[in-house]
Structure formats: structure tokens, C-alpha cells
Amino acid sequence: MLNTKKLVDYAVALVVIFLLNFILPRMLPGDPLHAIYGDEALLSMTPAMQAEIIHRFALDRTWSEQLIAYLLALLRGDFGYSYFYHAPVTSVIAGVLPWTLLLTGSAFVLSTLLGSLLGIESGYRRGSKIDGSLMGFMMVISGFPDFFAGILLLLVFGAWLAWLPLSGAITPYSGFTGAALVADIANHLILPLSALVFIRMTAAYLFSRSAMIGVMGQAYIRTARAKGCPSPAIRYRHAARAALLPMVTAAGVRFTHVISNVLFVETVFSYPGLGSLLYKAVLTRDYPLLQGILLLAAMLVLTVNLITDLLCVRLDPRIAAVPDKVREINHAYPVS
């Protein structure tokens, strides 16, 4: 079981995010409605709409009453009202979230699997030509930003060769259903997914290679070799299994980078996800929508980090006992 202090830390981090999301807009000059929604609210909102928002979020009351109203709204899933789309922020985000989850989830899984497999093979063959070639290749592409890789793929495979669609997630007015619709979605997904996987797999490769090199010198690996175990068994059943813990930890850390970079890649490919929505929110100064997207992204990162900690404890239960052991040592040998 995950240490209670860890759960408290995640809860505190979530509360801090909520409080910052509440306090920062209200610290801007002007009345609360204009501070949160911007001057565009004057042009895009009717007086009745302004009165409804003021009443819903208690913007004409004290900060404590506003905070209570804000937290109650969050519990109801009410992130505010987008005056550009003339709809609740929750419904606007819900319309594009599945596309971002599809792209982010696919990129995270594929980059982790591909990078880890290449890292395992490279670490097992440390010093060989294959290891040197893979290491050199990864070092070169690791310096490429995701959006730059996306632009190159877009120019080559979308504009020059015209093999793949240039933008969007589906073909407009195609009327595809069933297998044809799935194929069309996959066709539009290839370029943005390739841009993310191509760059993000380098971190997985480096972590898994380093973990494999550390494991290959262990006594049980030499014993397995002495017993005549097949090479694939040594590589995956013994070495890769022992190196799984740092690889999972690194995967959880990388998810933060995938979330941040997918926003840029979606903008390059005009992919209808949170990235494109965030770009439009910035251009139109739709502050409630902007806050809702950033709040959701922060919650996703915290959730994945929590899941990573749970997986690490499941893979090695000794991790959960480390804080207790540290406290016992500090109690037995207090610092003077």
C-alpha cells in the first residue's frame, strides 16, 4: 500500500492547484467579473448572462464566499462559462478531450514500449555496433523539438508526397462509418502520433539502457549464463524484469512531457484536441476556458504520477517501507 504521507502530498498539491486557479485571476485589477473573463466579456456577454455568472460564482461577495462557491462548482464539474463558444467550459473541453486522450495515450504507450525495447537490446549489447548506432541515432533526434519533427513530417508526407492528410482528425463530410471511420481516424492520427513517438522514445531508450547496464553486472545474471539459459530468457525474464522499476518510474515522469508537447503538436496539425483549443483560448482571451484546460492538464499529471507510485510499490513493496525505516533511523540516531 502506498504510504499515507504520499497520498497527503498529492492531496495538498491538488488543493494548491485549485487555490492558485482561484486566487490568481482575482488578484488582477478591476471587478471580479472583468478580472476573470477579461474585457471581452463586455462585448460578448449580455447583461443577463453577466448577472447569471455573478450569481453562480458569488463574484459580488467576499473571497471566502467566492471560494466556497468555486469549490462547490468544481465538485459539480462546473469549470465556468466560455464566452467565446457560448457554452460551459466542461462541455467545450468534453468535445475535444477524447481526441487528446487518443493521441496522448497512443503516443505514451508506443514511445514507452518502443524506446524500452530498443534500450533493453542496446543495454544487453553494450559496446557493440548496434549499441553505438542506436545511441548515436537517439542522441541526434533527442535535440529535435516535437513540433519541429511534426513540421518536417507534415512537409514530407503531407505536402510533398501527399500520402497522409495535412490536418484534422477525420475527413469532413465523409460520412464514414464502422471500419471505414476507424481507418480514416487512424490515417489522420499517423503524422501527429509519429512526431510524438519519434522524439519521446529517446528518453525511454536512455532510461531502459542505463537500467539494463546496471543489471547486467549482477551475480544472478552471471549465474543464469553459467547455467546455459537462452539469451532471450536472460535478456527479458531476468535482466529486463529486474530493470522494470526504474523504467516504470521514468515512464511516469515522461508523461508530463507528453502532455505538454502534445499541445504544440496538435496546433501544428490542427488536430481538434486540447492543444488546438488552448491556442484558440489564448487568441480569444477566453480566460475561463484557458483555466479549465490548464487545471485539467494538471489533474491528469497528478493522477498519472499517483498511478506510477502505486505501480512502483506493487513492483517492489520495499519502497513503501522506506519512509518508515528512515523515521526509525532518525528516532534512534537524532541529529544533534
Protein backbone atom coordinates (compact mmCIF):
# COMPACT_ATOMS: atom_id res chain seq x y z
CA MET A 1 0.00 0.00 0.00
CA LEU A 2 1.21 3.50 -0.87
CA ASN A 3 2.49 5.44 2.10
CA THR A 4 -0.15 7.71 3.67
CA LYS A 5 2.20 10.69 3.52
CA LYS A 6 2.42 10.29 -0.26
CA LEU A 7 -1.37 10.43 -0.59
CA VAL A 8 -1.45 13.51 1.62
CA ASP A 9 1.22 15.12 -0.57
CA TYR A 10 -0.85 14.54 -3.70
CA ALA A 11 -3.96 15.88 -1.98
CA VAL A 12 -2.08 19.00 -0.87
CA ALA A 13 -0.72 19.53 -4.39
CA LEU A 14 -4.24 19.28 -5.80
CA VAL A 15 -5.57 21.78 -3.25
CA VAL A 16 -2.73 24.21 -4.06
CA ILE A 17 -3.58 23.97 -7.78
CA PHE A 18 -7.24 24.71 -7.04
CA LEU A 19 -6.33 27.67 -4.84
CA LEU A 20 -3.95 29.16 -7.41
CA ASN A 21 -6.61 28.75 -10.07
CA PHE A 22 -8.98 30.66 -7.76
CA ILE A 23 -6.67 33.37 -6.40
CA LEU A 24 -4.57 34.48 -9.39
CA PRO A 25 -7.41 35.78 -11.60
CA ARG A 26 -8.93 37.62 -8.64
CA MET A 27 -5.67 39.42 -7.96
CA LEU A 28 -5.93 41.21 -11.30
CA PRO A 29 -7.13 44.82 -11.20
CA GLY A 30 -10.80 45.61 -11.73
CA ASP A 31 -14.01 43.95 -10.60
CA PRO A 32 -14.03 40.14 -10.31
CA LEU A 33 -16.09 39.52 -13.45
CA HIS A 34 -13.76 41.52 -15.69
CA ALA A 35 -10.65 40.17 -13.93
CA ILE A 36 -11.70 36.56 -14.58
CA TYR A 37 -13.30 36.98 -18.00
CA GLY A 38 -11.38 39.92 -19.45
CA ASP A 39 -12.63 43.00 -21.25
CA GLU A 40 -14.12 40.80 -24.00
CA ALA A 41 -16.87 39.90 -21.53
CA LEU A 42 -18.32 43.37 -22.05
CA LEU A 43 -18.73 42.71 -25.75
CA SER A 44 -19.63 39.01 -25.76
CA MET A 45 -21.98 38.78 -22.78
CA THR A 46 -25.46 40.12 -22.38
CA PRO A 47 -26.34 41.81 -19.06
CA ALA A 48 -28.48 38.79 -18.15
CA MET A 49 -25.54 36.44 -18.78
CA GLN A 50 -23.24 38.59 -16.64
CA ALA A 51 -25.78 38.62 -13.83
CA GLU A 52 -26.12 34.82 -14.01
CA ILE A 53 -22.33 34.30 -13.78
CA ILE A 54 -22.01 36.79 -10.92
CA HIS A 55 -24.74 34.94 -9.03
CA ARG A 56 -23.39 31.45 -9.83
CA PHE A 57 -19.85 32.17 -8.61
CA ALA A 58 -20.78 34.73 -5.93
CA LEU A 59 -18.50 37.32 -7.55
CA ASP A 60 -20.26 40.13 -5.73
CA ARG A 61 -19.49 38.62 -2.31
CA THR A 62 -16.43 38.15 -0.10
CA TRP A 63 -13.50 35.96 -1.11
CA SER A 64 -14.47 33.28 1.39
CA GLU A 65 -17.96 33.04 -0.10
CA GLN A 66 -16.48 33.04 -3.60
CA LEU A 67 -14.09 30.23 -2.62
CA ILE A 68 -16.95 28.11 -1.29
CA ALA A 69 -18.95 28.72 -4.47
CA TYR A 70 -15.87 27.91 -6.57
CA LEU A 71 -15.18 24.62 -4.79
CA LEU A 72 -18.86 23.60 -4.96
CA ALA A 73 -18.83 24.37 -8.68
CA LEU A 74 -15.74 22.19 -9.17
CA LEU A 75 -17.45 19.34 -7.33
CA ARG A 76 -20.33 19.67 -9.78
CA GLY A 77 -17.87 19.67 -12.70
CA ASP A 78 -18.57 23.34 -13.42
CA PHE A 79 -15.34 24.98 -14.63
CA GLY A 80 -17.01 28.21 -15.68
CA TYR A 81 -18.52 29.60 -18.86
CA SER A 82 -16.74 30.12 -22.18
CA TYR A 83 -17.96 33.40 -23.61
CA PHE A 84 -16.27 32.68 -26.99
CA TYR A 85 -18.05 29.35 -27.52
CA HIS A 86 -21.14 30.46 -25.55
CA ALA A 87 -21.16 27.18 -23.66
CA PRO A 88 -19.99 25.78 -20.31
CA VAL A 89 -16.23 25.11 -20.21
CA THR A 90 -16.88 21.50 -19.24
CA SER A 91 -18.92 20.79 -22.36
CA VAL A 92 -16.39 22.56 -24.62
CA ILE A 93 -13.50 20.53 -23.18
CA ALA A 94 -15.53 17.29 -23.28
CA GLY A 95 -15.99 17.76 -27.04
CA VAL A 96 -12.24 17.62 -27.75
CA LEU A 97 -10.88 15.60 -24.81
CA PRO A 98 -11.35 12.16 -26.47
CA TRP A 99 -9.08 13.21 -29.35
CA THR A 100 -6.33 14.35 -26.98
CA LEU A 101 -6.63 11.20 -24.90
CA LEU A 102 -6.39 9.08 -28.06
CA LEU A 103 -3.27 10.90 -29.26
CA THR A 104 -1.61 11.23 -25.84
CA GLY A 105 -2.37 7.67 -24.74
CA SER A 106 -1.19 6.16 -28.02
CA ALA A 107 1.99 8.27 -28.04
CA PHE A 108 2.78 7.45 -24.42
CA VAL A 109 2.28 3.70 -24.82
CA LEU A 110 4.08 3.38 -28.16
CA SER A 111 7.04 5.60 -27.22
CA THR A 112 7.47 3.75 -23.91
CA LEU A 113 7.28 0.29 -25.47
CA LEU A 114 9.46 1.08 -28.49
CA GLY A 115 12.05 3.05 -26.52
CA SER A 116 12.20 0.42 -23.76
CA LEU A 117 12.63 -2.47 -26.20
CA LEU A 118 15.41 -0.66 -28.05
CA GLY A 119 17.04 0.29 -24.74
CA ILE A 120 16.91 -3.30 -23.50
CA GLU A 121 18.51 -4.60 -26.69
CA SER A 122 21.12 -1.82 -26.68
CA GLY A 123 21.99 -2.26 -22.99
CA TYR A 124 22.30 -6.02 -23.41
CA ARG A 125 24.71 -5.48 -26.31
CA ARG A 126 26.67 -2.68 -24.67
CA GLY A 127 29.75 -1.72 -26.69
CA SER A 128 28.58 -3.42 -29.89
CA LYS A 129 27.96 -1.73 -33.24
CA ILE A 130 24.21 -1.98 -32.72
CA ASP A 131 24.52 -0.23 -29.36
CA GLY A 132 26.70 2.52 -30.82
CA SER A 133 24.40 3.08 -33.81
CA LEU A 134 21.28 3.24 -31.65
CA MET A 135 22.94 5.56 -29.16
CA GLY A 136 24.12 7.91 -31.91
CA PHE A 137 20.71 7.94 -33.57
CA MET A 138 18.95 8.69 -30.30
CA MET A 139 21.37 11.47 -29.45
CA VAL A 140 20.66 13.14 -32.80
CA ILE A 141 16.86 13.04 -32.63
CA SER A 142 16.73 13.90 -28.92
CA GLY A 143 17.62 17.51 -29.78
CA PHE A 144 14.60 17.89 -32.07
CA PRO A 145 11.52 19.56 -30.54
CA ASP A 146 8.28 17.64 -31.10
CA PHE A 147 6.66 20.43 -33.07
CA PHE A 148 9.72 20.70 -35.36
CA ALA A 149 9.55 16.97 -36.07
CA GLY A 150 5.85 17.44 -36.75
CA ILE A 151 6.55 20.23 -39.26
CA LEU A 152 9.11 18.05 -41.09
CA LEU A 153 6.72 15.09 -41.25
CA LEU A 154 3.94 17.40 -42.40
CA LEU A 155 6.06 18.85 -45.20
CA VAL A 156 7.42 15.50 -46.41
CA PHE A 157 4.48 13.08 -46.06
CA GLY A 158 1.62 15.55 -46.17
CA ALA A 159 2.63 18.28 -48.61
CA TRP A 160 5.41 16.79 -50.78
CA LEU A 161 4.45 13.09 -51.09
CA ALA A 162 0.75 13.69 -50.29
CA TRP A 163 0.46 10.29 -48.66
CA LEU A 164 -1.29 11.43 -45.50
CA PRO A 165 -3.79 14.13 -44.51
CA LEU A 166 -2.41 17.54 -43.60
CA SER A 167 -4.76 18.34 -40.72
CA GLY A 168 -7.79 17.33 -38.71
CA ALA A 169 -8.85 14.08 -37.09
CA ILE A 170 -11.41 12.90 -39.62
CA THR A 171 -12.30 13.74 -43.22
CA PRO A 172 -15.05 16.40 -43.18
CA TYR A 173 -18.43 15.39 -44.63
CA SER A 174 -17.10 11.92 -45.50
CA GLY A 175 -19.98 10.04 -43.95
CA PHE A 176 -17.68 7.17 -42.98
CA THR A 177 -18.99 4.60 -40.51
CA GLY A 178 -17.67 1.41 -38.96
CA ALA A 179 -14.32 0.15 -40.23
CA ALA A 180 -14.03 2.97 -42.78
CA LEU A 181 -14.35 5.56 -39.99
CA VAL A 182 -11.70 3.78 -37.87
CA ALA A 183 -9.34 3.67 -40.87
CA ASP A 184 -9.92 7.36 -41.55
CA ILE A 185 -9.19 8.29 -37.91
CA ALA A 186 -6.02 6.16 -37.94
CA ASN A 187 -4.92 7.79 -41.21
CA HIS A 188 -5.21 11.26 -39.67
CA LEU A 189 -3.50 10.07 -36.47
CA ILE A 190 -0.32 8.76 -38.11
CA LEU A 191 1.58 12.04 -38.55
CA PRO A 192 0.97 13.68 -35.14
CA LEU A 193 1.48 10.33 -33.42
CA SER A 194 4.74 9.72 -35.29
CA ALA A 195 6.03 13.16 -34.31
CA LEU A 196 5.42 12.47 -30.62
CA VAL A 197 6.67 8.87 -30.63
CA PHE A 198 9.75 9.71 -32.72
CA ILE A 199 11.03 12.21 -30.15
CA ARG A 200 9.58 10.89 -26.88
CA MET A 201 11.03 7.37 -27.27
CA THR A 202 14.56 8.71 -26.75
CA ALA A 203 14.01 9.21 -23.00
CA ALA A 204 12.58 5.69 -22.65
CA TYR A 205 15.53 4.31 -24.56
CA LEU A 206 18.13 6.05 -22.38
CA PHE A 207 16.47 5.05 -19.09
CA SER A 208 15.97 1.41 -20.09
CA ARG A 209 19.51 1.13 -21.49
CA SER A 210 21.00 2.56 -18.31
CA ALA A 211 18.87 0.24 -16.16
CA MET A 212 19.90 -2.79 -18.23
CA ILE A 213 23.61 -1.92 -17.97
CA GLY A 214 23.26 -1.72 -14.19
CA VAL A 215 21.51 -5.09 -14.02
CA MET A 216 23.77 -7.00 -16.41
CA GLY A 217 26.64 -6.95 -13.94
CA GLN A 218 24.64 -8.62 -11.17
CA ALA A 219 25.60 -12.05 -9.86
CA TYR A 220 22.31 -13.73 -10.79
CA ILE A 221 22.82 -12.76 -14.44
CA ARG A 222 26.24 -14.43 -14.45
CA THR A 223 24.66 -17.45 -12.78
CA ALA A 224 21.94 -17.64 -15.43
CA ARG A 225 24.58 -17.51 -18.14
CA ALA A 226 26.64 -20.20 -16.41
CA LYS A 227 23.58 -22.45 -16.28
CA GLY A 228 23.18 -22.11 -20.03
CA CYS A 229 19.96 -20.05 -20.08
CA PRO A 230 18.99 -18.89 -23.58
CA SER A 231 19.89 -15.32 -24.43
CA PRO A 232 16.24 -14.11 -24.76
CA ALA A 233 15.45 -15.56 -21.33
CA ILE A 234 18.40 -13.77 -19.74
CA ARG A 235 17.54 -10.56 -21.53
CA TYR A 236 13.81 -10.39 -20.74
CA ARG A 237 12.96 -12.84 -17.93
CA HIS A 238 15.90 -11.90 -15.71
CA ALA A 239 17.54 -8.61 -16.71
CA ALA A 240 14.58 -6.62 -18.10
CA ARG A 241 12.33 -7.77 -15.28
CA ALA A 242 14.81 -6.53 -12.68
CA ALA A 243 15.17 -3.22 -14.55
CA LEU A 244 11.41 -2.70 -14.71
CA LEU A 245 11.18 -0.49 -11.61
CA PRO A 246 13.34 2.42 -12.86
CA MET A 247 11.72 2.09 -16.29
CA VAL A 248 8.22 2.49 -14.82
CA THR A 249 9.37 5.44 -12.70
CA ALA A 250 10.86 7.13 -15.75
CA ALA A 251 7.67 6.47 -17.74
CA GLY A 252 5.61 8.32 -15.14
CA VAL A 253 7.97 11.30 -15.31
CA ARG A 254 7.83 11.32 -19.11
CA PHE A 255 4.04 11.57 -19.15
CA THR A 256 4.35 15.20 -18.04
CA HIS A 257 6.43 15.96 -21.13
CA VAL A 258 3.99 14.11 -23.39
CA ILE A 259 1.09 16.19 -22.04
CA SER A 260 2.94 19.48 -22.54
CA ASN A 261 4.26 18.61 -26.02
CA VAL A 262 1.00 17.20 -27.36
CA LEU A 263 -0.47 20.70 -27.03
CA PHE A 264 2.11 22.04 -29.53
CA VAL A 265 1.83 19.08 -31.90
CA GLU A 266 -1.96 19.40 -32.04
CA THR A 267 -1.56 23.04 -33.04
CA VAL A 268 0.86 22.14 -35.87
CA PHE A 269 -1.51 19.52 -37.31
CA SER A 270 -4.75 21.40 -36.47
CA TYR A 271 -5.74 18.30 -34.54
CA PRO A 272 -9.03 19.01 -32.72
CA GLY A 273 -7.76 18.35 -29.19
CA LEU A 274 -6.92 20.35 -26.08
CA GLY A 275 -3.85 21.87 -27.75
CA SER A 276 -5.85 23.47 -30.55
CA LEU A 277 -8.50 24.52 -28.04
CA LEU A 278 -5.84 26.08 -25.79
CA TYR A 279 -4.43 28.01 -28.75
CA LYS A 280 -7.87 29.40 -29.59
CA ALA A 281 -8.48 30.25 -25.95
CA VAL A 282 -5.24 32.26 -25.86
CA LEU A 283 -6.06 34.09 -29.12
CA THR A 284 -9.58 34.98 -27.98
CA ARG A 285 -8.53 35.64 -24.37
CA ASP A 286 -11.15 33.18 -23.17
CA TYR A 287 -9.71 33.02 -19.64
CA PRO A 288 -12.24 30.57 -18.11
CA LEU A 289 -11.59 28.10 -20.92
CA LEU A 290 -7.83 28.62 -20.56
CA GLN A 291 -8.03 27.98 -16.80
CA GLY A 292 -10.16 24.89 -17.32
CA ILE A 293 -7.70 23.34 -19.78
CA LEU A 294 -4.67 24.02 -17.58
CA LEU A 295 -6.49 22.73 -14.49
CA LEU A 296 -7.43 19.52 -16.31
CA ALA A 297 -3.84 19.04 -17.55
CA ALA A 298 -2.50 19.47 -14.00
CA MET A 299 -5.01 16.95 -12.67
CA LEU A 300 -4.02 14.45 -15.38
CA VAL A 301 -0.34 14.78 -14.49
CA LEU A 302 -1.03 14.30 -10.76
CA THR A 303 -3.20 11.25 -11.48
CA VAL A 304 -0.55 9.59 -13.64
CA ASN A 305 2.15 10.29 -11.04
CA LEU A 306 -0.05 8.70 -8.37
CA ILE A 307 -0.62 5.64 -10.56
CA THR A 308 3.14 5.43 -11.16
CA ASP A 309 3.81 5.44 -7.40
CA LEU A 310 1.21 2.70 -6.92
CA LEU A 311 2.81 0.58 -9.65
CA CYS A 312 6.27 1.07 -8.15
CA VAL A 313 5.03 -0.12 -4.75
CA ARG A 314 3.37 -3.11 -6.44
CA LEU A 315 6.58 -3.99 -8.29
CA ASP A 316 8.76 -3.57 -5.19
CA PRO A 317 6.85 -3.47 -1.85
CA ARG A 318 10.07 -2.47 -0.07
CA ILE A 319 9.55 1.07 -1.39
CA ALA A 320 6.55 1.61 0.88
CA ALA A 321 8.65 0.69 3.91
CA VAL A 322 11.47 3.14 3.15
CA PRO A 323 9.89 6.21 4.83
CA ASP A 324 9.11 4.21 7.98
CA LYS A 325 12.66 2.90 8.10
CA VAL A 326 14.02 6.45 7.70
CA ARG A 327 11.88 7.64 10.61
CA GLU A 328 13.11 4.74 12.76
CA ILE A 329 16.74 5.66 12.00
CA ASN A 330 16.12 9.34 12.73
CA HIS A 331 14.46 8.43 16.01
CA ALA A 332 17.28 6.10 17.02
CA TYR A 333 20.05 8.47 15.90
CA PRO A 334 18.69 12.02 16.22
CA VAL A 335 20.66 14.82 14.63
CA SER A 336 22.17 17.00 17.36
